[in-house]
Amino acid sequence: MREGGVDMTKIIFVEGVSGVGKSTTTQILCDKLIGLGFSVDRYREFDFPNPIDFYSAAYFKEADYNAILEEYAEFSEDIQVNTVIAGDIRLVR
């Protein structure tokens, strides 16, 4: 969500052991946030489309990432599409 040109994106992590109600709680939270006008995405652990699931990602510093883009130029577009940027860190699926 953008407010006054500022990105208001927030990430909420819900953790816990199996069976404690994480899915139910996150569904209720998502429904409430949507009702308040927020745009919401909900992911489960190990879901491939999950942009923050580190189990399916390679971790690179920016300089190493740029070197890979250069070395594998023919795949650079695919690499970039599958990259999450967090400061000077690149997570590539």
Protein backbone atom coordinates (compact mmCIF):
# COMPACT_ATOMS: atom_id res chain seq x y z
CA MET A 1 0.00 0.00 0.00
CA ARG A 2 1.31 3.46 -0.85
CA GLU A 3 0.52 6.55 1.17
CA GLY A 4 1.71 9.93 -0.03
CA GLY A 5 4.21 8.25 -2.39
CA VAL A 6 5.67 6.15 0.43
CA ASP A 7 5.61 2.36 0.27
CA MET A 8 3.68 1.14 3.32
CA THR A 9 4.48 -2.56 2.75
CA LYS A 10 4.67 -4.59 5.94
CA ILE A 11 5.51 -8.24 6.45
CA ILE A 12 3.97 -10.18 9.31
CA PHE A 13 5.47 -13.56 10.27
CA VAL A 14 3.38 -16.05 12.21
CA GLU A 15 5.30 -18.97 13.67
CA GLY A 16 4.39 -21.91 15.81
CA VAL A 17 4.25 -25.68 16.03
CA SER A 18 1.74 -27.73 14.04
CA GLY A 19 -1.86 -27.51 15.11
CA VAL A 20 -1.80 -24.28 17.13
CA GLY A 21 -3.99 -22.30 14.70
CA LYS A 22 -1.52 -20.36 12.55
CA SER A 23 -3.53 -20.84 9.36
CA THR A 24 -6.81 -19.93 11.06
CA THR A 25 -5.29 -16.88 12.74
CA THR A 26 -3.66 -15.61 9.57
CA GLN A 27 -6.89 -16.08 7.59
CA ILE A 28 -8.81 -14.03 10.17
CA LEU A 29 -6.07 -11.36 10.10
CA CYS A 30 -6.08 -11.25 6.28
CA ASP A 31 -9.87 -10.95 6.16
CA LYS A 32 -9.76 -8.09 8.69
CA LEU A 33 -6.99 -6.23 6.84
CA ILE A 34 -8.78 -6.63 3.50
CA GLY A 35 -11.94 -5.29 5.17
CA LEU A 36 -9.94 -2.23 6.21
CA GLY A 37 -8.83 -1.66 2.60
CA PHE A 38 -5.35 -3.18 2.67
CA SER A 39 -3.94 -5.34 -0.09
CA VAL A 40 -2.92 -8.67 1.43
CA ASP A 41 -0.92 -11.70 0.28
CA ARG A 42 -0.75 -14.82 2.45
CA TYR A 43 1.83 -17.58 2.06
CA ARG A 44 2.65 -20.82 3.78
CA GLU A 45 6.11 -22.14 4.49
CA PHE A 46 7.62 -24.07 1.57
CA ASP A 47 5.17 -22.56 -0.95
CA PHE A 48 7.28 -21.85 -4.02
CA PRO A 49 5.60 -18.47 -4.73
CA ASN A 50 6.36 -17.36 -1.16
CA PRO A 51 8.73 -14.40 -1.67
CA ILE A 52 10.37 -14.83 1.72
CA ASP A 53 10.73 -18.61 1.87
CA PHE A 54 14.48 -18.93 2.30
CA TYR A 55 14.45 -22.70 1.85
CA SER A 56 14.06 -22.27 -1.89
CA ALA A 57 16.46 -19.35 -2.36
CA ALA A 58 20.14 -18.70 -2.91
CA TYR A 59 21.63 -15.82 -0.87
CA PHE A 60 24.01 -13.37 -2.55
CA LYS A 61 25.65 -10.07 -1.66
CA GLU A 62 25.00 -7.46 -4.34
CA ALA A 63 28.49 -7.69 -5.91
CA ASP A 64 28.30 -11.49 -6.21
CA TYR A 65 24.79 -11.25 -7.65
CA ASN A 66 25.96 -8.77 -10.29
CA ALA A 67 28.85 -11.08 -11.19
CA ILE A 68 26.39 -13.96 -11.70
CA LEU A 69 24.18 -11.78 -13.92
CA GLU A 70 27.23 -10.96 -16.01
CA GLU A 71 28.53 -14.53 -16.15
CA TYR A 72 25.12 -15.94 -17.09
CA ALA A 73 23.90 -13.05 -19.23
CA GLU A 74 21.67 -15.31 -21.30
CA PHE A 75 19.68 -16.10 -18.12
CA SER A 76 19.85 -12.65 -16.51
CA GLU A 77 16.21 -11.78 -17.19
CA ASP A 78 15.01 -15.03 -15.58
CA ILE A 79 17.36 -14.51 -12.64
CA GLN A 80 16.13 -10.96 -12.08
CA VAL A 81 12.46 -11.97 -12.24
CA ASN A 82 13.13 -14.57 -9.53
CA THR A 83 15.07 -12.22 -7.23
CA VAL A 84 13.95 -10.62 -3.99
CA ILE A 85 16.02 -7.57 -3.03
CA ALA A 86 16.59 -6.70 0.63
CA GLY A 87 19.17 -3.91 0.96
CA ASP A 88 22.42 -5.24 -0.46
CA ILE A 89 21.21 -8.85 -0.25
CA ARG A 90 19.74 -10.76 -3.20
CA LEU A 91 17.61 -13.87 -2.68
CA VAL A 92 17.28 -15.85 -5.90
CA ARG A 93 14.81 -18.68 -6.39
